[in-house]
C-alpha atoms as a PDB file:
ATOM      1  CA  MET A   1     -39.903  68.213  29.971  1.00  0.00           C
ATOM      2  CA  GLN A   2     -37.732  65.677  28.169  1.00  0.00           C
ATOM      3  CA  LYS A   3     -39.333  62.714  26.473  1.00  0.00           C
ATOM      4  CA  ARG A   4     -37.852  59.385  27.243  1.00  0.00           C
ATOM      5  CA  VAL A   5     -38.063  56.342  25.082  1.00  0.00           C
ATOM      6  CA  VAL A   6     -39.461  53.309  26.865  1.00  0.00           C
ATOM      7  CA  PHE A   7     -39.043  49.809  25.467  1.00  0.00           C
ATOM      8  CA  ARG A   8     -41.597  47.158  26.219  1.00  0.00           C
ATOM      9  CA  SER A   9     -38.908  44.489  26.181  1.00  0.00           C
ATOM     10  CA  ARG A  10     -35.696  44.816  28.195  1.00  0.00           C
ATOM     11  CA  LEU A  11     -33.930  42.731  25.567  1.00  0.00           C
ATOM     12  CA  LEU A  12     -34.742  44.946  22.582  1.00  0.00           C
ATOM     13  CA  PRO A  13     -32.296  47.877  23.425  1.00  0.00           C
ATOM     14  CA  TYR A  14     -29.387  45.429  23.678  1.00  0.00           C
ATOM     15  CA  LEU A  15     -30.413  43.765  20.420  1.00  0.00           C
ATOM     16  CA  LEU A  16     -30.347  47.161  18.701  1.00  0.00           C
ATOM     17  CA  VAL A  17     -26.832  47.983  19.778  1.00  0.00           C
ATOM     18  CA  LEU A  18     -25.610  44.382  19.330  1.00  0.00           C
ATOM     19  CA  PRO A  19     -24.422  44.827  15.755  1.00  0.00           C
ATOM     20  CA  GLN A  20     -22.296  47.818  16.624  1.00  0.00           C
ATOM     21  CA  ILE A  21     -20.894  46.112  19.607  1.00  0.00           C
ATOM     22  CA  ALA A  22     -20.026  42.998  17.553  1.00  0.00           C
ATOM     23  CA  ILE A  23     -18.297  45.080  14.903  1.00  0.00           C
ATOM     24  CA  THR A  24     -16.271  46.944  17.621  1.00  0.00           C
ATOM     25  CA  LEU A  25     -15.164  43.695  19.267  1.00  0.00           C
ATOM     26  CA  ILE A  26     -14.301  41.831  16.061  1.00  0.00           C
ATOM     27  CA  PHE A  27     -12.665  44.583  14.100  1.00  0.00           C
ATOM     28  CA  PHE A  28     -11.077  46.763  16.881  1.00  0.00           C
ATOM     29  CA  PHE A  29     -10.694  45.005  20.202  1.00  0.00           C
ATOM     30  CA  TRP A  30      -9.793  41.554  18.936  1.00  0.00           C
ATOM     31  CA  PRO A  31      -7.045  42.731  16.528  1.00  0.00           C
ATOM     32  CA  ALA A  32      -5.692  44.971  19.302  1.00  0.00           C
ATOM     33  CA  TYR A  33      -5.516  42.065  21.709  1.00  0.00           C
ATOM     34  CA  GLN A  34      -3.863  39.915  18.941  1.00  0.00           C
ATOM     35  CA  ALA A  35      -1.159  42.522  18.458  1.00  0.00           C
ATOM     36  CA  LEU A  36      -0.551  42.856  22.162  1.00  0.00           C
ATOM     37  CA  GLU A  37      -0.203  39.064  22.451  1.00  0.00           C
ATOM     38  CA  SER A  38       2.096  38.784  19.444  1.00  0.00           C
ATOM     39  CA  SER A  39       4.372  41.521  20.760  1.00  0.00           C
ATOM     40  CA  PHE A  40       5.660  39.127  23.460  1.00  0.00           C
ATOM     41  CA  PHE A  41       6.717  36.417  21.005  1.00  0.00           C
ATOM     42  CA  ILE A  42       9.220  35.838  18.227  1.00  0.00           C
ATOM     43  CA  GLU A  43       7.465  33.991  15.271  1.00  0.00           C
ATOM     44  CA  ASP A  44       8.906  32.356  12.282  1.00  0.00           C
ATOM     45  CA  ALA A  45       8.246  33.785   8.838  1.00  0.00           C
ATOM     46  CA  PHE A  46       5.388  31.276   8.092  1.00  0.00           C
ATOM     47  CA  GLY A  47       3.703  31.532  11.547  1.00  0.00           C
ATOM     48  CA  PHE A  48       4.113  27.788  12.391  1.00  0.00           C
ATOM     49  CA  SER A  49       5.954  28.337  15.591  1.00  0.00           C
ATOM     50  CA  ARG A  50       6.705  31.087  18.099  1.00  0.00           C
ATOM     51  CA  GLN A  51       8.829  31.542  21.190  1.00  0.00           C
ATOM     52  CA  TRP A  52       7.950  33.613  24.299  1.00  0.00           C
ATOM     53  CA  VAL A  53      10.496  36.458  24.755  1.00  0.00           C
ATOM     54  CA  ALA A  54       8.554  38.710  27.205  1.00  0.00           C
ATOM     55  CA  MET A  55       9.622  42.376  26.681  1.00  0.00           C
ATOM     56  CA  GLN A  56      12.632  41.630  24.343  1.00  0.00           C
ATOM     57  CA  ASN A  57      10.811  43.042  21.330  1.00  0.00           C
ATOM     58  CA  TYR A  58      10.201  46.353  23.119  1.00  0.00           C
ATOM     59  CA  VAL A  59      13.699  46.555  24.474  1.00  0.00           C
ATOM     60  CA  GLU A  60      15.209  45.981  21.049  1.00  0.00           C
ATOM     61  CA  LEU A  61      13.028  48.748  19.526  1.00  0.00           C
ATOM     62  CA  PHE A  62      14.121  51.370  22.040  1.00  0.00           C
ATOM     63  CA  GLU A  63      17.710  50.382  21.514  1.00  0.00           C
ATOM     64  CA  ASP A  64      17.409  50.832  17.687  1.00  0.00           C
ATOM     65  CA  PRO A  65      18.487  54.444  16.677  1.00  0.00           C
ATOM     66  CA  SER A  66      16.453  54.161  13.461  1.00  0.00           C
ATOM     67  CA  TYR A  67      13.296  53.449  15.331  1.00  0.00           C
ATOM     68  CA  LEU A  68      13.895  56.338  17.705  1.00  0.00           C
ATOM     69  CA  ARG A  69      14.438  58.631  14.673  1.00  0.00           C
ATOM     70  CA  SER A  70      11.001  57.484  13.459  1.00  0.00           C
ATOM     71  CA  PHE A  71       9.470  58.873  16.612  1.00  0.00           C
ATOM     72  CA  LYS A  72      10.824  62.324  15.834  1.00  0.00           C
ATOM     73  CA  THR A  73       9.792  62.026  12.214  1.00  0.00           C
ATOM     74  CA  THR A  74       6.290  60.999  13.138  1.00  0.00           C
ATOM     75  CA  LEU A  75       5.781  63.806  15.616  1.00  0.00           C
ATOM     76  CA  ILE A  76       7.044  66.369  13.037  1.00  0.00           C
ATOM     77  CA  PHE A  77       4.882  64.843  10.451  1.00  0.00           C
ATOM     78  CA  GLY A  78       1.730  64.671  12.547  1.00  0.00           C
ATOM     79  CA  VAL A  79       1.896  68.172  13.976  1.00  0.00           C
ATOM     80  CA  SER A  80       2.783  69.697  10.576  1.00  0.00           C
ATOM     81  CA  VAL A  81      -0.058  67.937   8.805  1.00  0.00           C
ATOM     82  CA  ALA A  82      -2.608  68.931  11.434  1.00  0.00           C
ATOM     83  CA  VAL A  83      -1.454  72.618  11.539  1.00  0.00           C
ATOM     84  CA  MET A  84      -1.238  72.957   7.709  1.00  0.00           C
ATOM     85  CA  ALA A  85      -4.479  71.133   6.950  1.00  0.00           C
ATOM     86  CA  MET A  86      -6.499  73.072   9.555  1.00  0.00           C
ATOM     87  CA  SER A  87      -5.004  76.465   8.751  1.00  0.00           C
ATOM     88  CA  ILE A  88      -5.630  76.157   5.031  1.00  0.00           C
ATOM     89  CA  SER A  89      -9.089  74.756   5.459  1.00  0.00           C
ATOM     90  CA  LEU A  90     -10.084  77.503   7.858  1.00  0.00           C
ATOM     91  CA  GLY A  91      -8.972  80.120   5.429  1.00  0.00           C
ATOM     92  CA  LEU A  92     -10.907  78.398   2.669  1.00  0.00           C
ATOM     93  CA  ALA A  93     -14.025  78.120   4.812  1.00  0.00           C
ATOM     94  CA  VAL A  94     -13.926  81.816   5.743  1.00  0.00           C
ATOM     95  CA  ALA A  95     -13.618  82.668   2.037  1.00  0.00           C
ATOM     96  CA  ALA A  96     -16.404  80.252   1.055  1.00  0.00           C
ATOM     97  CA  ASN A  97     -18.640  81.588   3.799  1.00  0.00           C
ATOM     98  CA  ARG A  98     -18.390  85.105   2.164  1.00  0.00           C
ATOM     99  CA  VAL A  99     -18.940  84.008  -1.452  1.00  0.00           C
ATOM    100  CA  VAL A 100     -22.232  85.045  -2.831  1.00  0.00           C
ATOM    101  CA  LYS A 101     -22.139  84.112  -6.614  1.00  0.00           C
ATOM    102  CA  ALA A 102     -21.481  80.460  -7.447  1.00  0.00           C
ATOM    103  CA  ALA A 103     -21.154  79.606  -3.808  1.00  0.00           C
ATOM    104  CA  THR A 104     -22.374  76.030  -4.244  1.00  0.00           C
ATOM    105  CA  GLY A 105     -19.936  75.279  -7.068  1.00  0.00           C
ATOM    106  CA  TYR A 106     -17.058  76.830  -5.210  1.00  0.00           C
ATOM    107  CA  ARG A 107     -17.785  74.728  -2.126  1.00  0.00           C
ATOM    108  CA  THR A 108     -18.223  71.550  -4.182  1.00  0.00           C
ATOM    109  CA  MET A 109     -14.890  71.914  -5.834  1.00  0.00           C
ATOM    110  CA  LEU A 110     -13.202  72.278  -2.384  1.00  0.00           C
ATOM    111  CA  ILE A 111     -14.885  69.108  -1.179  1.00  0.00           C
ATOM    112  CA  TRP A 112     -13.899  66.907  -4.123  1.00  0.00           C
ATOM    113  CA  PRO A 113     -10.367  66.094  -3.000  1.00  0.00           C
ATOM    114  CA  TYR A 114     -11.690  64.239   0.077  1.00  0.00           C
ATOM    115  CA  ALA A 115     -13.068  61.577  -2.293  1.00  0.00           C
ATOM    116  CA  VAL A 116      -9.553  60.775  -3.568  1.00  0.00           C
ATOM    117  CA  ALA A 117      -8.112  57.602  -2.011  1.00  0.00           C
ATOM    118  CA  PRO A 118      -4.863  58.134  -0.025  1.00  0.00           C
ATOM    119  CA  ALA A 119      -2.876  55.946  -2.401  1.00  0.00           C
ATOM    120  CA  LEU A 120      -4.122  57.905  -5.387  1.00  0.00           C
ATOM    121  CA  ALA A 121      -3.355  61.168  -3.691  1.00  0.00           C
ATOM    122  CA  GLY A 122       0.215  59.909  -3.181  1.00  0.00           C
ATOM    123  CA  VAL A 123       0.509  59.073  -6.867  1.00  0.00           C
ATOM    124  CA  ILE A 124      -0.752  62.502  -7.899  1.00  0.00           C
ATOM    125  CA  TRP A 125       1.821  64.291  -5.774  1.00  0.00           C
ATOM    126  CA  TYR A 126       4.510  61.791  -6.786  1.00  0.00           C
ATOM    127  CA  PHE A 127       4.045  62.977 -10.423  1.00  0.00           C
ATOM    128  CA  LEU A 128       3.652  66.591  -9.545  1.00  0.00           C
ATOM    129  CA  MET A 129       6.909  66.648  -7.558  1.00  0.00           C
ATOM    130  CA  ASN A 130       8.975  64.211  -9.709  1.00  0.00           C
ATOM    131  CA  PRO A 131      12.315  65.901 -10.367  1.00  0.00           C
ATOM    132  CA  SER A 132      12.382  64.714 -14.014  1.00  0.00           C
ATOM    133  CA  LEU A 133       8.800  65.256 -15.238  1.00  0.00           C
ATOM    134  CA  GLY A 134       6.879  67.009 -12.432  1.00  0.00           C
ATOM    135  CA  ILE A 135       5.316  70.372 -13.239  1.00  0.00           C
ATOM    136  CA  VAL A 136       5.690  71.631  -9.650  1.00  0.00           C
ATOM    137  CA  ALA A 137       9.291  70.519  -9.513  1.00  0.00           C
ATOM    138  CA  TYR A 138       9.872  72.296 -12.874  1.00  0.00           C
ATOM    139  CA  TRP A 139       8.425  75.548 -11.417  1.00  0.00           C
ATOM    140  CA  LEU A 140      10.560  75.216  -8.266  1.00  0.00           C
ATOM    141  CA  LYS A 141      13.629  74.864 -10.329  1.00  0.00           C
ATOM    142  CA  ASN A 142      12.714  78.048 -12.288  1.00  0.00           C
ATOM    143  CA  VAL A 143      12.716  79.994  -9.079  1.00  0.00           C
ATOM    144  CA  GLY A 144      15.995  78.603  -7.912  1.00  0.00           C
ATOM    145  CA  VAL A 145      14.967  75.618  -5.815  1.00  0.00           C
ATOM    146  CA  ASP A 146      16.873  72.438  -6.698  1.00  0.00           C
ATOM    147  CA  TRP A 147      14.106  69.960  -5.920  1.00  0.00           C
ATOM    148  CA  ASN A 148      15.015  66.273  -5.719  1.00  0.00           C
ATOM    149  CA  HIS A 149      13.202  64.375  -3.020  1.00  0.00           C
ATOM    150  CA  TYR A 150      14.953  61.172  -3.982  1.00  0.00           C
ATOM    151  CA  LEU A 151      18.178  62.510  -2.510  1.00  0.00           C
ATOM    152  CA  ASN A 152      17.057  65.168  -0.051  1.00  0.00           C
ATOM    153  CA  GLY A 153      15.361  63.770   3.097  1.00  0.00           C
ATOM    154  CA  ASP A 154      13.986  67.126   4.198  1.00  0.00           C
ATOM    155  CA  GLN A 155      12.296  67.675   0.848  1.00  0.00           C
ATOM    156  CA  ALA A 156      10.886  64.149   0.911  1.00  0.00           C
ATOM    157  CA  LEU A 157       9.357  64.793   4.368  1.00  0.00           C
ATOM    158  CA  LEU A 158       7.964  68.150   3.144  1.00  0.00           C
ATOM    159  CA  LEU A 159       6.465  66.321   0.164  1.00  0.00           C
ATOM    160  CA  VAL A 160       4.534  63.824   2.225  1.00  0.00           C
ATOM    161  CA  ILE A 161       3.439  66.554   4.713  1.00  0.00           C
ATOM    162  CA  VAL A 162       1.954  68.624   1.819  1.00  0.00           C
ATOM    163  CA  ALA A 163       0.310  65.587   0.214  1.00  0.00           C
ATOM    164  CA  ALA A 164      -1.236  64.449   3.465  1.00  0.00           C
ATOM    165  CA  ALA A 165      -2.472  67.966   4.351  1.00  0.00           C
ATOM    166  CA  TRP A 166      -3.920  68.385   0.928  1.00  0.00           C
ATOM    167  CA  LYS A 167      -5.874  65.184   1.330  1.00  0.00           C
ATOM    168  CA  GLN A 168      -7.360  66.341   4.686  1.00  0.00           C
ATOM    169  CA  VAL A 169      -8.218  69.863   3.801  1.00  0.00           C
ATOM    170  CA  SER A 170     -11.594  69.038   2.377  1.00  0.00           C
ATOM    171  CA  TYR A 171     -12.679  67.119   5.473  1.00  0.00           C
ATOM    172  CA  ASN A 172     -11.688  70.090   7.741  1.00  0.00           C
ATOM    173  CA  PHE A 173     -13.343  72.539   5.331  1.00  0.00           C
ATOM    174  CA  LEU A 174     -16.738  70.858   5.750  1.00  0.00           C
ATOM    175  CA  PHE A 175     -16.674  71.191   9.573  1.00  0.00           C
ATOM    176  CA  PHE A 176     -15.254  74.648   9.595  1.00  0.00           C
ATOM    177  CA  LEU A 177     -17.834  75.875   7.073  1.00  0.00           C
ATOM    178  CA  ALA A 178     -20.680  74.279   9.107  1.00  0.00           C
ATOM    179  CA  GLY A 179     -19.366  76.004  12.214  1.00  0.00           C
ATOM    180  CA  LEU A 180     -19.059  79.354  10.572  1.00  0.00           C
ATOM    181  CA  GLN A 181     -22.647  79.106   9.258  1.00  0.00           C
ATOM    182  CA  SER A 182     -23.949  78.367  12.713  1.00  0.00           C
ATOM    183  CA  ILE A 183     -22.472  81.554  14.247  1.00  0.00           C
ATOM    184  CA  PRO A 184     -25.293  84.132  14.766  1.00  0.00           C
ATOM    185  CA  LYS A 185     -24.931  87.044  12.282  1.00  0.00           C
ATOM    186  CA  SER A 186     -26.243  89.470  14.950  1.00  0.00           C
ATOM    187  CA  LEU A 187     -22.979  89.059  16.960  1.00  0.00           C
ATOM    188  CA  ILE A 188     -20.779  89.984  14.039  1.00  0.00           C
ATOM    189  CA  GLU A 189     -23.061  92.792  13.013  1.00  0.00           C
ATOM    190  CA  ALA A 190     -22.997  94.226  16.560  1.00  0.00           C
ATOM    191  CA  ALA A 191     -19.154  94.126  16.546  1.00  0.00           C
ATOM    192  CA  ALA A 192     -19.101  95.831  13.196  1.00  0.00           C
ATOM    193  CA  ILE A 193     -21.345  98.605  14.544  1.00  0.00           C
ATOM    194  CA  ASP A 194     -18.852  99.033  17.395  1.00  0.00           C
ATOM    195  CA  ARG A 195     -16.212  99.648  14.667  1.00  0.00           C
ATOM    196  CA  ALA A 196     -14.319  96.367  15.128  1.00  0.00           C
ATOM    197  CA  GLY A 197     -12.352  95.496  12.002  1.00  0.00           C
ATOM    198  CA  PRO A 198     -12.638  92.168  10.154  1.00  0.00           C
ATOM    199  CA  VAL A 199      -9.483  90.766  11.726  1.00  0.00           C
ATOM    200  CA  ARG A 200     -10.567  91.713  15.216  1.00  0.00           C
ATOM    201  CA  ARG A 201     -14.076  90.391  14.686  1.00  0.00           C
ATOM    202  CA  PHE A 202     -12.579  87.078  13.582  1.00  0.00           C
ATOM    203  CA  TRP A 203     -10.194  86.603  16.517  1.00  0.00           C
ATOM    204  CA  THR A 204     -12.540  87.919  19.216  1.00  0.00           C
ATOM    205  CA  ILE A 205     -15.921  86.554  18.074  1.00  0.00           C
ATOM    206  CA  VAL A 206     -15.692  83.990  15.279  1.00  0.00           C
ATOM    207  CA  PHE A 207     -12.640  81.890  16.274  1.00  0.00           C
ATOM    208  CA  PRO A 208     -13.637  81.555  19.978  1.00  0.00           C
ATOM    209  CA  LEU A 209     -17.079  80.232  18.872  1.00  0.00           C
ATOM    210  CA  LEU A 210     -15.193  77.783  16.551  1.00  0.00           C
ATOM    211  CA  THR A 211     -13.104  76.285  19.311  1.00  0.00           C
ATOM    212  CA  PRO A 212     -15.297  73.190  19.799  1.00  0.00           C
ATOM    213  CA  THR A 213     -14.980  72.440  16.077  1.00  0.00           C
ATOM    214  CA  THR A 214     -11.261  73.250  16.118  1.00  0.00           C
ATOM    215  CA  PHE A 215     -10.669  70.843  19.024  1.00  0.00           C
ATOM    216  CA  PHE A 216     -12.566  68.063  17.357  1.00  0.00           C
ATOM    217  CA  LEU A 217     -10.664  68.551  14.084  1.00  0.00           C
ATOM    218  CA  LEU A 218      -7.357  68.639  16.001  1.00  0.00           C
ATOM    219  CA  VAL A 219      -7.982  65.184  17.482  1.00  0.00           C
ATOM    220  CA  VAL A 220      -9.199  63.819  14.089  1.00  0.00           C
ATOM    221  CA  ASN A 221      -6.266  65.268  12.173  1.00  0.00           C
ATOM    222  CA  LEU A 222      -3.632  63.852  14.561  1.00  0.00           C
ATOM    223  CA  VAL A 223      -5.225  60.389  14.438  1.00  0.00           C
ATOM    224  CA  TYR A 224      -5.335  60.684  10.624  1.00  0.00           C
ATOM    225  CA  ALA A 225      -1.665  61.619  10.443  1.00  0.00           C
ATOM    226  CA  PHE A 226      -0.612  58.808  12.703  1.00  0.00           C
ATOM    227  CA  PHE A 227      -2.787  56.003  11.328  1.00  0.00           C
ATOM    228  CA  ASP A 228      -4.239  56.897   7.906  1.00  0.00           C
ATOM    229  CA  THR A 229      -1.258  58.039   5.908  1.00  0.00           C
ATOM    230  CA  PHE A 230       0.487  54.721   5.269  1.00  0.00           C
ATOM    231  CA  ALA A 231      -0.819  54.389   1.667  1.00  0.00           C
ATOM    232  CA  LEU A 232       0.168  57.994   0.931  1.00  0.00           C
ATOM    233  CA  VAL A 233       3.771  57.528   2.177  1.00  0.00           C
ATOM    234  CA  HIS A 234       4.065  54.166   0.448  1.00  0.00           C
ATOM    235  CA  ALA A 235       2.988  55.722  -2.937  1.00  0.00           C
ATOM    236  CA  THR A 236       5.216  58.757  -2.722  1.00  0.00           C
ATOM    237  CA  THR A 237       8.582  57.954  -1.019  1.00  0.00           C
ATOM    238  CA  GLU A 238       8.293  54.371   0.405  1.00  0.00           C
ATOM    239  CA  GLY A 239       9.845  55.657   3.552  1.00  0.00           C
ATOM    240  CA  GLY A 240      12.981  57.037   1.945  1.00  0.00           C
ATOM    241  CA  PRO A 241      15.473  58.363   1.345  1.00  0.00           C
ATOM    242  CA  VAL A 242      17.354  56.640   4.156  1.00  0.00           C
ATOM    243  CA  ASP A 243      14.186  56.419   6.336  1.00  0.00           C
ATOM    244  CA  ALA A 244      13.665  60.124   6.182  1.00  0.00           C
ATOM    245  CA  THR A 245       9.907  59.654   5.788  1.00  0.00           C
ATOM    246  CA  SER A 246       9.593  56.291   7.588  1.00  0.00           C
ATOM    247  CA  ILE A 247       6.850  57.251  10.079  1.00  0.00           C
ATOM    248  CA  LEU A 248       5.802  54.704  12.709  1.00  0.00           C
ATOM    249  CA  VAL A 249       2.728  53.321  10.849  1.00  0.00           C
ATOM    250  CA  PHE A 250       4.931  52.677   7.788  1.00  0.00           C
ATOM    251  CA  ARG A 251       7.635  50.946   9.928  1.00  0.00           C
ATOM    252  CA  VAL A 252       4.879  48.582  11.263  1.00  0.00           C
ATOM    253  CA  TYR A 253       4.174  47.446   7.694  1.00  0.00           C
ATOM    254  CA  ASN A 254       7.820  47.437   6.607  1.00  0.00           C
ATOM    255  CA  THR A 255       8.896  45.334   9.618  1.00  0.00           C
ATOM    256  CA  GLY A 256       5.970  42.878   9.461  1.00  0.00           C
ATOM    257  CA  PHE A 257       5.307  42.366   5.769  1.00  0.00           C
ATOM    258  CA  ILE A 258       8.677  43.064   4.261  1.00  0.00           C
ATOM    259  CA  GLY A 259      10.994  42.074   7.081  1.00  0.00           C
ATOM    260  CA  GLN A 260       8.725  39.169   8.279  1.00  0.00           C
ATOM    261  CA  ASP A 261       9.410  40.063  11.873  1.00  0.00           C
ATOM    262  CA  TYR A 262       5.863  39.839  13.235  1.00  0.00           C
ATOM    263  CA  GLY A 263       6.768  40.166  16.913  1.00  0.00           C
ATOM    264  CA  SER A 264       8.599  43.403  16.411  1.00  0.00           C
ATOM    265  CA  SER A 265       5.899  44.673  14.097  1.00  0.00           C
ATOM    266  CA  ALA A 266       3.212  43.909  16.662  1.00  0.00           C
ATOM    267  CA  ALA A 267       5.248  45.666  19.382  1.00  0.00           C
ATOM    268  CA  GLN A 268       5.563  48.682  17.161  1.00  0.00           C
ATOM    269  CA  SER A 269       1.798  48.736  16.595  1.00  0.00           C
ATOM    270  CA  VAL A 270       1.138  48.549  20.410  1.00  0.00           C
ATOM    271  CA  ILE A 271       3.575  51.455  20.964  1.00  0.00           C
ATOM    272  CA  LEU A 272       1.831  53.531  18.224  1.00  0.00           C
ATOM    273  CA  MET A 273      -1.570  52.795  19.685  1.00  0.00           C
ATOM    274  CA  GLY A 274      -0.425  53.750  23.108  1.00  0.00           C
ATOM    275  CA  LEU A 275       1.150  56.974  21.771  1.00  0.00           C
ATOM    276  CA  VAL A 276      -2.082  58.020  20.120  1.00  0.00           C
ATOM    277  CA  ILE A 277      -4.184  57.151  23.246  1.00  0.00           C
ATOM    278  CA  MET A 278      -1.745  59.236  25.336  1.00  0.00           C
ATOM    279  CA  MET A 279      -1.907  62.233  22.944  1.00  0.00           C
ATOM    280  CA  THR A 280      -5.663  62.059  22.819  1.00  0.00           C
ATOM    281  CA  PHE A 281      -5.864  61.924  26.588  1.00  0.00           C
ATOM    282  CA  VAL A 282      -3.557  65.007  26.953  1.00  0.00           C
ATOM    283  CA  GLN A 283      -5.727  66.904  24.430  1.00  0.00           C
ATOM    284  CA  PHE A 284      -8.914  66.136  26.265  1.00  0.00           C
ATOM    285  CA  ARG A 285      -7.339  66.766  29.625  1.00  0.00           C
ATOM    286  CA  PHE A 286      -5.599  70.104  28.985  1.00  0.00           C
ATOM    287  CA  VAL A 287      -6.444  71.456  25.548  1.00  0.00           C
ATOM    288  CA  GLU A 288     -10.226  71.077  26.031  1.00  0.00           C
ATOM    289  CA  ARG A 289     -10.082  73.452  28.994  1.00  0.00           C
ATOM    290  CA  LYS A 290      -9.615  76.361  26.525  1.00  0.00           C
ATOM    291  CA  VAL A 291     -12.628  75.238  24.412  1.00  0.00           C
ATOM    292  CA  GLN A 292     -15.671  77.461  24.797  1.00  0.00           C
ATOM    293  CA  TYR A 293     -18.868  75.525  24.423  1.00  0.00           C
END
C-alpha cells in the first residue's frame, strides 16, 4: 500500500513548486523566447532600433560555408568528447571499485577535477600543450610528434576534445562508480563459479546493468559538449586556427558579442537549441530501447 501525501489546502502544493516554476520561466523560457524573437530582426550595434527580416538571418546562415563547417566540427567535437569521457571514466570506475587499500583517497583524487572551472581547465591545458613551454608538447616532440596547435587545425581540435573530456571524466566517474556498487555481488560470483572470465562477466552482466546510467550520462555529456564548453574553447584556442575549433556555441558568442550581429547570433542560438532537442529526442526514442531497467 502506497502512502499518499494529502494537503489540507489546495493552494499549498502550488506555492511549494512556485519558486522552481518562476526560476524556470525567468531564466529558461523567457531567454529562449527572446532569442527566438530576436532571430527575426536585424538590430543595430547599440540595440536602439531593429528591422523585421523574417527568415533572412536563417537563410544567410545556411548559405555561409564557415557556419556549415561549424556544424561538422560541433558534431565531431560532441561525439568525441562524450565517447572519450565516458570510456575513460568507466575504466577508472571499474578500477576504483576493485581498490581495497586507500580506496577513499583514490576516489577523492579522481573527483577533484570536476571542481575546476571550465575556463581554468582550458588555461591548464593551454599551458600543458603550448608548443614553446608546454611539458606535454615537449614530450610529444621527443617521440617525433611536431605539436603546434596554433598552425594545425586538427591538433587544435584534438586539444579542445581532450581538455573537455578531462573536465567531464570526474562527473561520469561518480555515476559509474555508484552504478557499479549497486550491482549485486551474487550475480558476479555466480558467473565466476560458472567459469566466466573477468571480460565476459563485465560485458554480459556488469555493463548491461549499467545501461540506465550509461544512457543518462550519454545525454548529459552531449548537452555538456554542445553548451558548456564555450569557456574552455575560448581559453585554449579562441576558435582557431581558421575556425578549426569554432563550435556552434562559440560562434554564437563570436557573432553576437564580437561581431555585434545580434540577429544572426540569436538565430544561431535557436538552431543550436533545436539541434540539441532533436538529438535528445532521438536518444530517448531509439537509444533508450536498448536500455535494460
